[in-house]
């Protein structure tokens, strides 16, 4: 497996330096002096793809787009958690789903748990919200 080349060109003096802080400062200084300035304006709504001479791809994303991407990922995680919670509530056969859902959302705000543990705790604290289904024996 081929390893990618480092982004920063290192001089022999960096390898000889024992102090990590000095070498990091030198790398940052080299990166600042070697940066390229483009005359044209970049569109903030677009994502740009660059390829180096090794055909390795690099992407340039605006701060606004990156924040939107992170917000979308965060919302996706929240939706995924709420879906698992809803599924677990239905699995435990509530008398009234809306009542259990409201209490579960309040419990989430207090402390975040796995949906299974949260519903189990709700079932212990509020047994009247769930139907009691007896366990069916395996053999008849």
C-alpha atoms as a PDB file:
ATOM      1  CA  UNK A   1       0.000   0.000   0.000  1.00  0.00           C
ATOM      2  CA  UNK A   2       1.435   3.337  -1.048  1.00  0.00           C
ATOM      3  CA  UNK A   3       1.606   6.091   1.515  1.00  0.00           C
ATOM      4  CA  UNK A   4       0.712   9.659   0.512  1.00  0.00           C
ATOM      5  CA  UNK A   5       3.451  12.237   0.433  1.00  0.00           C
ATOM      6  CA  UNK A   6       3.336  14.901   3.150  1.00  0.00           C
ATOM      7  CA  UNK A   7       1.653  18.180   2.256  1.00  0.00           C
ATOM      8  CA  UNK A   8       4.533  20.260   3.601  1.00  0.00           C
ATOM      9  CA  UNK A   9       7.961  19.977   2.061  1.00  0.00           C
ATOM     10  CA  UNK A  10      10.399  19.280   4.864  1.00  0.00           C
ATOM     11  CA  UNK A  11      13.959  20.460   4.897  1.00  0.00           C
ATOM     12  CA  UNK A  12      16.832  18.521   6.421  1.00  0.00           C
ATOM     13  CA  UNK A  13      17.017  21.090   9.205  1.00  0.00           C
ATOM     14  CA  UNK A  14      13.560  20.055  10.448  1.00  0.00           C
ATOM     15  CA  UNK A  15      14.596  16.444  10.832  1.00  0.00           C
ATOM     16  CA  UNK A  16      17.624  17.502  12.852  1.00  0.00           C
ATOM     17  CA  UNK A  17      15.666  19.759  15.185  1.00  0.00           C
ATOM     18  CA  UNK A  18      14.928  18.171  18.535  1.00  0.00           C
ATOM     19  CA  UNK A  19      12.430  20.748  19.633  1.00  0.00           C
ATOM     20  CA  UNK A  20       8.985  19.909  18.250  1.00  0.00           C
ATOM     21  CA  UNK A  21       7.689  23.420  18.792  1.00  0.00           C
ATOM     22  CA  UNK A  22      10.399  24.947  16.591  1.00  0.00           C
ATOM     23  CA  UNK A  23       9.723  22.466  13.816  1.00  0.00           C
ATOM     24  CA  UNK A  24       5.979  23.198  13.950  1.00  0.00           C
ATOM     25  CA  UNK A  25       6.651  26.924  13.740  1.00  0.00           C
ATOM     26  CA  UNK A  26       8.880  26.362  10.720  1.00  0.00           C
ATOM     27  CA  UNK A  27       6.223  24.224   9.003  1.00  0.00           C
ATOM     28  CA  UNK A  28       3.577  26.912   9.613  1.00  0.00           C
ATOM     29  CA  UNK A  29       5.911  29.623   8.311  1.00  0.00           C
ATOM     30  CA  UNK A  30       6.665  27.577   5.168  1.00  0.00           C
ATOM     31  CA  UNK A  31       2.961  26.949   4.603  1.00  0.00           C
ATOM     32  CA  UNK A  32       2.220  30.676   4.839  1.00  0.00           C
ATOM     33  CA  UNK A  33       4.977  31.644   2.422  1.00  0.00           C
ATOM     34  CA  UNK A  34       4.099  28.904  -0.082  1.00  0.00           C
ATOM     35  CA  UNK A  35       0.363  29.610  -0.233  1.00  0.00           C
ATOM     36  CA  UNK A  36      -1.055  30.562  -3.618  1.00  0.00           C
ATOM     37  CA  UNK A  37      -3.253  33.580  -4.198  1.00  0.00           C
ATOM     38  CA  UNK A  38      -5.818  33.408  -6.979  1.00  0.00           C
ATOM     39  CA  UNK A  39      -6.881  36.529  -8.826  1.00  0.00           C
ATOM     40  CA  UNK A  40     -10.424  35.338  -9.401  1.00  0.00           C
ATOM     41  CA  UNK A  41     -13.118  35.336  -6.745  1.00  0.00           C
ATOM     42  CA  UNK A  42     -14.286  31.960  -5.498  1.00  0.00           C
ATOM     43  CA  UNK A  43     -18.009  31.309  -5.288  1.00  0.00           C
ATOM     44  CA  UNK A  44     -18.841  30.669  -1.623  1.00  0.00           C
ATOM     45  CA  UNK A  45     -21.655  28.267  -2.475  1.00  0.00           C
ATOM     46  CA  UNK A  46     -19.451  25.885  -4.439  1.00  0.00           C
ATOM     47  CA  UNK A  47     -17.052  23.178  -3.345  1.00  0.00           C
ATOM     48  CA  UNK A  48     -13.809  23.023  -5.299  1.00  0.00           C
ATOM     49  CA  UNK A  49     -11.778  19.909  -6.000  1.00  0.00           C
ATOM     50  CA  UNK A  50      -8.033  20.105  -6.584  1.00  0.00           C
ATOM     51  CA  UNK A  51      -5.658  17.334  -7.608  1.00  0.00           C
ATOM     52  CA  UNK A  52      -1.975  17.352  -6.864  1.00  0.00           C
ATOM     53  CA  UNK A  53       0.683  15.823  -9.099  1.00  0.00           C
ATOM     54  CA  UNK A  54       0.095  12.430  -7.429  1.00  0.00           C
ATOM     55  CA  UNK A  55      -3.609  12.545  -8.420  1.00  0.00           C
ATOM     56  CA  UNK A  56      -4.616  12.875  -4.773  1.00  0.00           C
ATOM     57  CA  UNK A  57      -7.821  14.893  -4.394  1.00  0.00           C
ATOM     58  CA  UNK A  58      -8.245  17.835  -2.033  1.00  0.00           C
ATOM     59  CA  UNK A  59     -11.497  19.710  -1.450  1.00  0.00           C
ATOM     60  CA  UNK A  60     -11.985  23.363  -0.667  1.00  0.00           C
ATOM     61  CA  UNK A  61     -15.250  24.027   1.161  1.00  0.00           C
ATOM     62  CA  UNK A  62     -16.484  27.407   2.345  1.00  0.00           C
ATOM     63  CA  UNK A  63     -17.040  27.940   6.054  1.00  0.00           C
ATOM     64  CA  UNK A  64     -20.777  28.437   5.477  1.00  0.00           C
ATOM     65  CA  UNK A  65     -21.080  25.134   3.597  1.00  0.00           C
ATOM     66  CA  UNK A  66     -19.038  23.307   6.236  1.00  0.00           C
ATOM     67  CA  UNK A  67     -21.295  24.645   8.996  1.00  0.00           C
ATOM     68  CA  UNK A  68     -24.381  23.567   7.051  1.00  0.00           C
ATOM     69  CA  UNK A  69     -22.868  20.125   6.548  1.00  0.00           C
ATOM     70  CA  UNK A  70     -22.104  19.776  10.256  1.00  0.00           C
ATOM     71  CA  UNK A  71     -25.603  20.980  11.200  1.00  0.00           C
ATOM     72  CA  UNK A  72     -27.113  18.423   8.815  1.00  0.00           C
ATOM     73  CA  UNK A  73     -25.004  15.653  10.339  1.00  0.00           C
ATOM     74  CA  UNK A  74     -26.028  16.744  13.842  1.00  0.00           C
ATOM     75  CA  UNK A  75     -29.717  16.796  12.871  1.00  0.00           C
ATOM     76  CA  UNK A  76     -29.352  13.360  11.288  1.00  0.00           C
ATOM     77  CA  UNK A  77     -27.962  11.980  14.571  1.00  0.00           C
ATOM     78  CA  UNK A  78     -30.870  13.508  16.506  1.00  0.00           C
ATOM     79  CA  UNK A  79     -33.404  12.059  14.067  1.00  0.00           C
ATOM     80  CA  UNK A  80     -31.717   8.660  14.271  1.00  0.00           C
ATOM     81  CA  UNK A  81     -31.868   8.719  18.083  1.00  0.00           C
ATOM     82  CA  UNK A  82     -35.537   9.772  18.116  1.00  0.00           C
ATOM     83  CA  UNK A  83     -36.401   7.034  15.627  1.00  0.00           C
ATOM     84  CA  UNK A  84     -34.727   4.427  17.873  1.00  0.00           C
ATOM     85  CA  UNK A  85     -36.627   5.831  20.859  1.00  0.00           C
ATOM     86  CA  UNK A  86     -39.949   5.716  19.003  1.00  0.00           C
ATOM     87  CA  UNK A  87     -39.272   2.142  17.906  1.00  0.00           C
ATOM     88  CA  UNK A  88     -38.407   1.092  21.467  1.00  0.00           C
ATOM     89  CA  UNK A  89     -41.561   2.708  22.874  1.00  0.00           C
ATOM     90  CA  UNK A  90     -43.742   0.862  20.348  1.00  0.00           C
ATOM     91  CA  UNK A  91     -41.890  -2.370  21.110  1.00  0.00           C
ATOM     92  CA  UNK A  92     -42.912  -2.064  24.797  1.00  0.00           C
ATOM     93  CA  UNK A  93     -46.625  -1.613  23.888  1.00  0.00           C
ATOM     94  CA  UNK A  94     -47.692   1.676  25.495  1.00  0.00           C
ATOM     95  CA  UNK A  95     -51.278   2.385  26.513  1.00  0.00           C
ATOM     96  CA  UNK A  96     -51.006   5.877  25.027  1.00  0.00           C
ATOM     97  CA  UNK A  97     -47.980   6.548  22.830  1.00  0.00           C
ATOM     98  CA  UNK A  98     -48.250  10.349  23.092  1.00  0.00           C
ATOM     99  CA  UNK A  99     -48.046  10.290  26.905  1.00  0.00           C
ATOM    100  CA  UNK A 100     -44.981   8.062  26.888  1.00  0.00           C
ATOM    101  CA  UNK A 101     -43.401  10.142  24.112  1.00  0.00           C
ATOM    102  CA  UNK A 102     -43.816  13.401  26.093  1.00  0.00           C
ATOM    103  CA  UNK A 103     -42.324  11.890  29.239  1.00  0.00           C
ATOM    104  CA  UNK A 104     -39.469  10.330  27.255  1.00  0.00           C
ATOM    105  CA  UNK A 105     -38.598  13.685  25.662  1.00  0.00           C
ATOM    106  CA  UNK A 106     -38.489  15.309  29.111  1.00  0.00           C
ATOM    107  CA  UNK A 107     -36.220  12.517  30.351  1.00  0.00           C
ATOM    108  CA  UNK A 108     -33.880  13.037  27.399  1.00  0.00           C
ATOM    109  CA  UNK A 109     -33.439  16.675  28.394  1.00  0.00           C
ATOM    110  CA  UNK A 110     -32.443  15.667  31.930  1.00  0.00           C
ATOM    111  CA  UNK A 111     -29.889  13.098  30.857  1.00  0.00           C
ATOM    112  CA  UNK A 112     -29.236  11.317  27.620  1.00  0.00           C
ATOM    113  CA  UNK A 113     -29.473   7.551  27.586  1.00  0.00           C
ATOM    114  CA  UNK A 114     -29.810   4.750  25.134  1.00  0.00           C
ATOM    115  CA  UNK A 115     -33.441   4.447  24.037  1.00  0.00           C
ATOM    116  CA  UNK A 116     -33.711   0.916  25.416  1.00  0.00           C
ATOM    117  CA  UNK A 117     -32.507   1.954  28.881  1.00  0.00           C
ATOM    118  CA  UNK A 118     -34.677   5.073  28.843  1.00  0.00           C
ATOM    119  CA  UNK A 119     -37.876   3.157  28.040  1.00  0.00           C
ATOM    120  CA  UNK A 120     -36.986   0.487  30.605  1.00  0.00           C
ATOM    121  CA  UNK A 121     -36.613   3.235  33.226  1.00  0.00           C
ATOM    122  CA  UNK A 122     -39.940   4.781  32.163  1.00  0.00           C
ATOM    123  CA  UNK A 123     -41.619   1.394  32.420  1.00  0.00           C
ATOM    124  CA  UNK A 124     -40.345   1.023  36.004  1.00  0.00           C
ATOM    125  CA  UNK A 125     -41.322   4.561  37.052  1.00  0.00           C
ATOM    126  CA  UNK A 126     -44.643   4.718  35.187  1.00  0.00           C
ATOM    127  CA  UNK A 127     -45.935   1.142  34.861  1.00  0.00           C
ATOM    128  CA  UNK A 128     -49.498   2.331  34.200  1.00  0.00           C
ATOM    129  CA  UNK A 129     -48.377   3.774  30.821  1.00  0.00           C
ATOM    130  CA  UNK A 130     -47.619   0.326  29.387  1.00  0.00           C
ATOM    131  CA  UNK A 131     -49.636  -2.824  28.867  1.00  0.00           C
ATOM    132  CA  UNK A 132     -48.427  -5.762  30.926  1.00  0.00           C
ATOM    133  CA  UNK A 133     -48.082  -8.642  28.514  1.00  0.00           C
ATOM    134  CA  UNK A 134     -47.294 -11.970  30.193  1.00  0.00           C
ATOM    135  CA  UNK A 135     -44.408 -13.952  28.813  1.00  0.00           C
ATOM    136  CA  UNK A 136     -45.556 -16.790  26.620  1.00  0.00           C
ATOM    137  CA  UNK A 137     -43.878 -20.112  27.418  1.00  0.00           C
ATOM    138  CA  UNK A 138     -41.795 -21.652  24.642  1.00  0.00           C
ATOM    139  CA  UNK A 139     -43.413 -25.084  24.737  1.00  0.00           C
ATOM    140  CA  UNK A 140     -47.143 -25.881  24.565  1.00  0.00           C
END
